[in-house]
Protein backbone atom coordinates (compact mmCIF):
# COMPACT_ATOMS: atom_id res chain seq x y z
CA MET A 1 80.45 2.50 -1.04
CA ARG A 2 79.80 1.24 -4.55
CA THR A 3 82.78 -0.32 -6.33
CA PHE A 4 83.07 -0.88 -10.04
CA TYR A 5 85.68 -3.19 -11.52
CA LEU A 6 86.92 -4.25 -14.91
CA LEU A 7 88.24 -7.63 -15.91
CA LEU A 8 90.35 -7.30 -19.05
CA ALA A 9 90.24 -9.87 -21.84
CA ILE A 10 91.32 -10.31 -25.41
CA CYS A 11 88.28 -10.72 -27.68
CA ASP A 12 89.40 -12.58 -30.79
CA LEU A 13 85.95 -13.52 -32.10
CA GLN A 14 84.50 -10.02 -32.49
CA PRO A 15 87.12 -7.49 -33.67
CA ASN A 16 85.11 -4.42 -32.58
CA LEU A 17 85.43 -5.48 -28.93
CA ALA A 18 88.72 -5.03 -27.08
CA ILE A 19 87.99 -6.20 -23.55
CA THR A 20 85.58 -8.13 -21.40
CA GLN A 21 84.49 -6.19 -18.32
CA ILE A 22 83.11 -7.12 -14.93
CA GLN A 23 81.04 -4.88 -12.67
CA GLU A 24 81.36 -6.07 -9.10
CA HIS A 25 78.44 -5.58 -6.67
CA SER A 26 76.14 -5.00 -9.62
CA PRO A 27 72.35 -4.61 -9.38
CA TRP A 28 70.63 -7.96 -9.79
CA HIS A 29 69.03 -7.06 -13.13
CA LEU A 30 72.50 -6.79 -14.71
CA ASP A 31 73.76 -9.99 -13.07
CA ARG A 32 70.69 -11.87 -14.33
CA VAL A 33 71.34 -11.23 -18.06
CA ASP A 34 75.09 -11.88 -18.27
CA ARG A 35 74.86 -15.52 -19.36
CA LYS A 36 75.75 -17.05 -15.98
CA SER A 37 73.38 -19.63 -14.52
CA GLU A 38 73.56 -18.26 -10.98
CA LEU A 39 73.44 -14.78 -9.48
CA ASP A 40 76.85 -13.89 -8.03
CA GLY A 41 76.66 -10.11 -7.70
CA ARG A 42 78.74 -9.48 -10.82
CA TYR A 43 77.84 -8.28 -14.31
CA PHE A 44 80.06 -9.67 -17.09
CA PHE A 45 79.79 -7.72 -20.35
CA ASN A 46 81.82 -7.35 -23.50
CA ALA A 47 79.97 -4.47 -25.20
CA THR A 48 78.87 -1.07 -23.93
CA GLY A 49 76.74 0.24 -26.80
CA LYS A 50 79.41 2.77 -27.74
CA GLY A 51 78.57 4.56 -30.99
CA VAL A 52 74.87 3.59 -30.79
CA ASN A 53 72.06 6.14 -30.26
CA MET A 54 69.46 5.08 -27.70
CA TRP A 55 66.26 7.08 -28.22
CA ILE A 56 63.87 7.00 -25.26
CA VAL A 57 60.37 8.46 -25.66
CA ASP A 58 59.29 9.21 -22.12
CA SER A 59 58.51 11.76 -19.41
CA GLY A 60 61.88 13.48 -19.16
CA LEU A 61 65.24 13.04 -17.50
CA ASN A 62 67.21 14.39 -14.56
CA ILE A 63 70.40 14.98 -16.51
CA ASP A 64 72.21 16.13 -13.35
CA HIS A 65 71.87 12.72 -11.68
CA PRO A 66 75.37 11.27 -11.10
CA GLU A 67 74.29 8.12 -12.94
CA PHE A 68 74.50 9.92 -16.30
CA ASP A 69 77.57 10.91 -18.29
CA ARG A 70 76.78 14.42 -19.49
CA SER A 71 78.98 13.99 -22.58
CA ARG A 72 76.63 11.35 -24.00
CA THR A 73 73.25 12.24 -22.45
CA PHE A 74 70.89 14.56 -24.33
CA LEU A 75 67.42 16.03 -23.78
CA HIS A 76 65.18 16.79 -26.76
CA ARG A 77 61.95 18.73 -27.11
CA PRO A 78 61.44 19.26 -30.87
CA ASP A 79 59.66 22.29 -32.33
CA SER A 80 57.00 20.00 -33.80
CA PHE A 81 55.69 19.14 -30.31
CA ARG A 82 52.60 20.76 -28.80
CA GLU A 83 53.00 24.01 -26.91
CA GLU A 84 52.40 22.48 -23.45
CA ILE A 85 55.47 20.29 -23.86
CA LYS A 86 57.63 22.98 -25.46
CA SER A 87 56.86 25.43 -22.67
CA ALA A 88 57.45 22.96 -19.84
CA ALA A 89 60.78 22.79 -18.04
CA ILE A 90 62.63 20.11 -19.99
CA GLU A 91 64.25 18.72 -16.84
CA CYS A 92 60.95 18.02 -15.05
CA ASP A 93 60.26 14.32 -14.79
CA ASP A 94 57.97 12.16 -12.68
CA ALA A 95 61.02 9.85 -12.24
CA HIS A 96 59.78 7.34 -14.83
CA GLY A 97 61.98 8.59 -17.67
CA THR A 98 65.04 8.98 -15.45
CA HIS A 99 64.69 5.41 -14.17
CA VAL A 100 64.17 3.95 -17.65
CA ALA A 101 67.18 5.84 -19.06
CA GLY A 102 69.36 4.64 -16.19
CA VAL A 103 68.48 0.99 -16.86
CA ALA A 104 69.26 1.44 -20.57
CA GLY A 105 72.56 3.29 -20.31
CA GLY A 106 73.45 4.51 -16.83
CA ILE A 107 76.96 4.27 -15.35
CA ILE A 108 75.98 1.87 -12.54
CA SER A 109 72.53 0.50 -13.38
CA GLY A 110 72.83 0.54 -17.17
CA ILE A 111 73.02 -2.42 -19.53
CA ALA A 112 74.80 -0.46 -22.30
CA LYS A 113 77.08 1.83 -20.31
CA GLU A 114 78.46 3.92 -23.19
CA VAL A 115 75.41 4.25 -25.40
CA ASN A 116 74.38 7.77 -26.44
CA LEU A 117 71.23 8.47 -24.41
CA HIS A 118 68.62 10.67 -26.10
CA MET A 119 65.55 11.49 -24.01
CA VAL A 120 62.66 12.73 -26.18
CA LYS A 121 60.24 14.33 -23.75
CA ILE A 122 56.51 13.92 -24.55
CA GLN A 123 55.00 14.95 -21.22
CA ASP A 124 54.49 18.38 -19.70
CA CYS A 125 55.15 18.89 -16.01
CA SER A 126 51.48 18.65 -14.99
CA GLU A 127 50.66 15.36 -16.74
CA THR A 128 50.90 11.86 -15.33
CA ASP A 129 50.35 9.97 -18.60
CA PHE A 130 51.32 10.41 -22.24
CA LYS A 131 48.97 11.49 -25.02
CA VAL A 132 48.68 9.00 -27.87
CA ALA A 133 48.99 11.70 -30.54
CA ASP A 134 52.38 12.86 -29.23
CA ILE A 135 54.10 9.51 -29.71
CA PRO A 136 54.04 9.27 -33.54
CA ILE A 137 55.25 12.87 -33.73
CA ALA A 138 58.19 11.95 -31.51
CA ILE A 139 58.95 8.79 -33.49
CA ASP A 140 58.88 10.60 -36.82
CA TRP A 141 61.27 13.23 -35.43
CA ILE A 142 63.59 10.46 -34.25
CA ILE A 143 63.52 8.88 -37.71
CA SER A 144 64.66 12.16 -39.28
CA GLU A 145 67.45 12.52 -36.71
CA HIS A 146 68.54 8.91 -37.24
CA LEU A 147 68.84 9.43 -40.99
CA LYS A 148 70.86 12.63 -40.47
CA ARG A 149 73.30 11.10 -38.02
CA GLY A 150 74.09 7.88 -39.88
CA GLN A 151 74.65 5.86 -36.70
CA PRO A 152 72.87 2.71 -35.51
CA SER A 153 69.81 3.46 -33.37
CA VAL A 154 67.53 1.78 -30.84
CA LEU A 155 64.14 3.22 -29.84
CA ASN A 156 62.71 2.34 -26.42
CA LEU A 157 58.98 2.74 -25.70
CA SER A 158 58.28 2.03 -22.03
CA LEU A 159 54.62 2.87 -22.54
CA GLY A 160 51.42 1.30 -23.80
CA PRO A 161 47.63 1.74 -24.12
CA SER A 162 45.67 2.59 -20.97
CA SER A 163 42.06 2.97 -19.94
CA GLY A 164 41.82 6.68 -20.82
CA PRO A 165 40.40 7.85 -24.16
CA ASN A 166 43.44 9.81 -25.32
CA PHE A 167 46.29 8.68 -23.13
CA VAL A 168 48.81 5.88 -22.78
CA THR A 169 50.45 5.02 -19.51
CA ALA A 170 53.50 3.55 -17.89
CA THR A 171 51.66 2.53 -14.73
CA GLY A 172 49.82 -0.54 -15.98
CA ARG A 173 46.10 0.24 -15.99
CA ARG A 174 43.84 -2.24 -17.75
CA ILE A 175 43.78 -2.16 -21.54
CA ARG A 176 40.49 -1.91 -23.44
CA LYS A 177 40.22 -3.01 -27.05
CA ASN A 178 38.97 0.37 -28.24
CA ILE A 179 42.01 2.03 -26.66
CA ILE A 180 44.31 -0.45 -28.37
CA SER A 181 42.75 0.45 -31.71
CA ARG A 182 43.67 4.10 -31.08
CA PHE A 183 47.21 2.97 -30.36
CA GLY A 184 47.51 1.72 -33.93
CA VAL A 185 48.99 5.05 -35.02
CA VAL A 186 51.91 4.34 -32.71
CA TYR A 187 52.51 0.94 -34.28
CA GLU A 188 52.36 2.55 -37.73
CA ALA A 189 55.04 5.01 -36.65
CA ALA A 190 57.07 2.17 -35.14
CA GLN A 191 56.94 0.38 -38.49
CA ARG A 192 58.26 3.52 -40.20
CA ALA A 193 61.13 3.55 -37.71
CA ILE A 194 61.90 -0.11 -38.40
CA ASP A 195 61.81 0.55 -42.14
CA ALA A 196 64.38 3.32 -41.54
CA GLY A 197 66.67 0.82 -39.79
CA ILE A 198 65.86 1.61 -36.13
CA VAL A 199 65.49 -1.27 -33.67
CA VAL A 200 62.21 -0.67 -31.80
CA VAL A 201 61.59 -2.11 -28.32
CA GLN A 202 58.33 -1.76 -26.38
CA ALA A 203 57.19 -2.75 -22.90
CA ALA A 204 54.62 -5.56 -23.00
CA GLY A 205 52.35 -3.99 -20.37
CA ASN A 206 51.44 -4.59 -16.74
CA GLU A 207 47.91 -6.02 -16.85
CA SER A 208 48.78 -9.68 -16.04
CA GLU A 209 47.00 -10.77 -19.22
CA ASN A 210 47.58 -12.39 -22.57
CA GLN A 211 47.04 -9.30 -24.69
CA CYS A 212 48.52 -10.60 -27.94
CA SER A 213 45.22 -11.42 -29.63
CA ASP A 214 44.06 -7.83 -29.07
CA ARG A 215 47.21 -6.07 -30.23
CA GLN A 216 46.62 -5.93 -33.94
CA GLY A 217 49.19 -4.15 -36.05
CA ILE A 218 52.29 -4.84 -33.95
CA PRO A 219 55.23 -4.65 -36.41
CA GLN A 220 56.68 -8.08 -37.05
CA ASP A 221 60.24 -6.96 -36.38
CA MET A 222 59.47 -4.97 -33.23
CA ILE A 223 60.72 -6.41 -29.91
CA LEU A 224 58.09 -6.70 -27.18
CA CYS A 225 59.54 -7.23 -23.71
CA GLY A 226 57.78 -8.72 -20.69
CA ALA A 227 59.01 -8.82 -17.09
CA SER A 228 60.51 -11.67 -15.09
CA THR A 229 61.68 -12.13 -11.49
CA ARG A 230 65.07 -12.85 -9.90
CA ASP A 231 64.45 -16.58 -10.31
CA GLU A 232 63.30 -16.15 -13.94
CA LYS A 233 59.61 -16.63 -13.29
CA LEU A 234 56.89 -14.52 -14.86
CA ALA A 235 56.41 -11.29 -12.90
CA SER A 236 52.93 -11.22 -11.36
CA PHE A 237 51.96 -8.04 -13.25
CA SER A 238 53.53 -8.77 -16.63
CA ASN A 239 51.55 -9.36 -19.79
CA PHE A 240 52.48 -12.48 -21.69
CA GLY A 241 51.68 -14.43 -24.83
CA PRO A 242 53.12 -15.36 -28.23
CA CYS A 243 53.63 -11.72 -29.26
CA VAL A 244 56.05 -11.15 -26.35
CA THR A 245 59.54 -11.63 -27.78
CA PHE A 246 61.60 -11.74 -24.58
CA TYR A 247 61.33 -11.51 -20.83
CA ALA A 248 63.82 -9.47 -18.81
CA PRO A 249 64.22 -8.46 -15.16
CA GLY A 250 61.36 -6.21 -14.10
CA VAL A 251 60.91 -6.59 -10.33
CA HIS A 252 62.66 -4.29 -7.84
CA VAL A 253 65.01 -2.96 -10.51
CA GLU A 254 67.45 -0.46 -8.99
CA ALA A 255 68.19 2.66 -11.06
CA PRO A 256 68.34 6.47 -10.67
CA GLY A 257 65.45 8.25 -9.03
CA LYS A 258 63.99 11.71 -9.43
CA SER A 259 66.70 13.40 -7.36
CA SER A 260 70.22 12.07 -6.79
CA GLU A 261 69.18 8.78 -5.19
CA PHE A 262 68.79 5.27 -6.56
CA VAL A 263 65.34 3.68 -6.23
CA GLN A 264 63.70 0.35 -7.01
CA LYS A 265 60.82 0.17 -9.47
CA SER A 266 58.90 -2.75 -10.97
CA GLY A 267 57.21 -3.07 -14.33
CA THR A 268 57.68 -3.99 -17.96
CA SER A 269 58.85 -0.37 -18.27
CA GLN A 270 62.03 -1.57 -16.56
CA ALA A 271 62.30 -4.78 -18.61
CA SER A 272 62.05 -2.92 -21.93
CA PRO A 273 65.25 -0.82 -21.59
CA ILE A 274 67.14 -3.99 -20.65
CA CYS A 275 66.12 -5.48 -23.99
CA ALA A 276 66.93 -2.17 -25.69
CA GLY A 277 70.36 -2.01 -24.08
CA ILE A 278 71.20 -5.52 -25.24
CA ALA A 279 70.11 -4.58 -28.77
CA ALA A 280 72.55 -1.64 -28.56
CA GLN A 281 75.33 -4.02 -27.52
CA HIS A 282 74.73 -6.09 -30.65
CA LEU A 283 74.72 -2.97 -32.82
CA GLN A 284 78.04 -1.81 -31.37
CA THR A 285 79.73 -4.93 -32.65
CA ARG A 286 77.80 -5.06 -35.94
CA PRO A 287 76.46 -1.57 -36.72
CA SER A 288 75.06 -2.52 -40.12
CA LEU A 289 72.58 -5.05 -38.74
CA SER A 290 68.91 -4.56 -39.65
CA PRO A 291 66.19 -4.62 -36.96
CA LYS A 292 65.20 -8.10 -38.15
CA GLN A 293 68.79 -9.32 -37.80
CA VAL A 294 69.20 -7.80 -34.32
CA LYS A 295 66.01 -9.51 -33.16
CA ALA A 296 67.21 -12.83 -34.62
CA LEU A 297 70.62 -12.52 -32.93
CA MET A 298 68.99 -11.71 -29.62
CA LYS A 299 66.78 -14.79 -29.98
CA SER A 300 69.77 -16.99 -30.77
CA SER A 301 71.63 -15.83 -27.65
CA ALA A 302 68.61 -15.85 -25.29
CA LYS A 303 68.05 -18.46 -22.59
CA GLN A 304 65.01 -20.69 -22.95
CA THR A 305 63.05 -21.27 -19.75
CA PHE A 306 59.46 -22.21 -18.92
CA PHE A 307 56.58 -20.33 -17.37
CA ARG A 308 53.81 -22.35 -15.73
CA PHE A 309 50.27 -21.30 -16.64
CA GLN A 310 46.89 -22.62 -15.58
CA THR A 311 44.43 -23.17 -18.42
CA LYS A 312 40.72 -22.30 -18.19
CA ALA A 313 40.11 -25.98 -17.55
CA GLY A 314 42.43 -25.83 -14.53
CA LYS A 315 45.30 -27.76 -16.13
CA LEU A 316 48.87 -26.61 -15.43
CA VAL A 317 50.92 -26.14 -18.59
CA ASP A 318 54.63 -25.28 -18.93
CA LEU A 319 55.20 -22.97 -21.90
CA PRO A 320 58.68 -22.20 -23.28
CA VAL A 321 59.79 -18.55 -23.20
CA LEU A 322 62.99 -16.65 -23.99
CA GLN A 323 64.89 -14.81 -21.24
CA VAL A 324 67.02 -12.09 -22.85
CA GLN A 325 70.81 -12.34 -22.39
CA ARG A 326 73.67 -10.06 -23.38
CA PRO A 327 75.84 -10.98 -26.41
CA PRO A 328 78.19 -13.94 -25.98
CA VAL A 329 81.75 -13.26 -24.85
CA GLY A 330 84.68 -14.34 -27.00
CA GLY A 331 88.32 -14.48 -25.94
CA SER A 332 90.25 -15.08 -22.74
CA PHE A 333 90.31 -13.30 -19.40
CA GLY A 334 92.96 -10.91 -18.15
CA THR A 335 93.61 -8.77 -15.06
CA LEU A 336 91.19 -7.32 -12.52
CA ILE A 337 91.51 -3.53 -12.17
CA ASP A 338 89.61 -0.67 -10.55
CA LEU A 339 87.53 1.71 -12.68
CA PRO A 340 87.05 4.95 -10.74
CA LEU A 341 83.60 6.54 -10.57
CA SER A 342 82.77 10.15 -9.92
CA PRO A 343 82.54 10.90 -6.16
CA ALA A 344 78.79 11.58 -6.49
CA ALA A 345 78.23 8.10 -7.88
CA ARG A 346 80.03 6.36 -5.01
CA GLN A 347 77.13 5.82 -2.64
């Protein structure tokens, strides 16, 4: 039985927030980012991303999973996409997109529990990776929708360059420099999104390497998110380096699976929607913030820790890094109450 609780509080520092909430028996990735020093099985949060659009460019979404609120979860397959995607069943997903969306805004596993989830599908049912050329098309469509809607937006990209000539992947195959150069069109589209006022978050990649010197053209105001462990160490697979803005939980992250179950997955693909969800929390309280300002606020509220690296000369060096944390809580605490979940979500 999963139980979900609220702890009420008056928030006198940020007028857009009415209460501080607590999720009891929360997944560890939520507990880790709620500004407490120790894991205690509870997720304290004072923003839910309400009123913010979370755009996720990915493989698809099982919208019937009990983790998702149908009133704020949407599937998109624009007319500008190639025929293979338009003709594919929009619900088909290899479970990657469903898991990522759950971490960003699911009822149980989500950071921003009331964000508007928009899945922009860029994969047909027979593919295992994403084609590079599809991503800028998706981003440009999102920009047009963002401008029409007039609401704050966050764009999550749990994808990156892979070893194939035309594809990008979420599975972490080794990056080659010539593939990264082809990925430049994605960074150009990401810059257009940032210029339009959209906060853009991308997974840092799963090659266990310092890739920053190779990733030319990364927009300055984009957020790049690496993965960390339960004890805030660098995940063994995560890329790292000065271009990585934050680190977030990315090992054994529990979120919705392909069917109605909850599964654990590891990768910077899981860390990225945590960063994106926290960006949405900031935008809920201050919807007029620019991407640069959101990134700066997230930096100011992050926790500084150290990762230990071994240099080529064999010397051990501790380098400071930022572990992402949700926005600070203002106000005083109130009364503990039950928040009922749908029967399908009580597992």
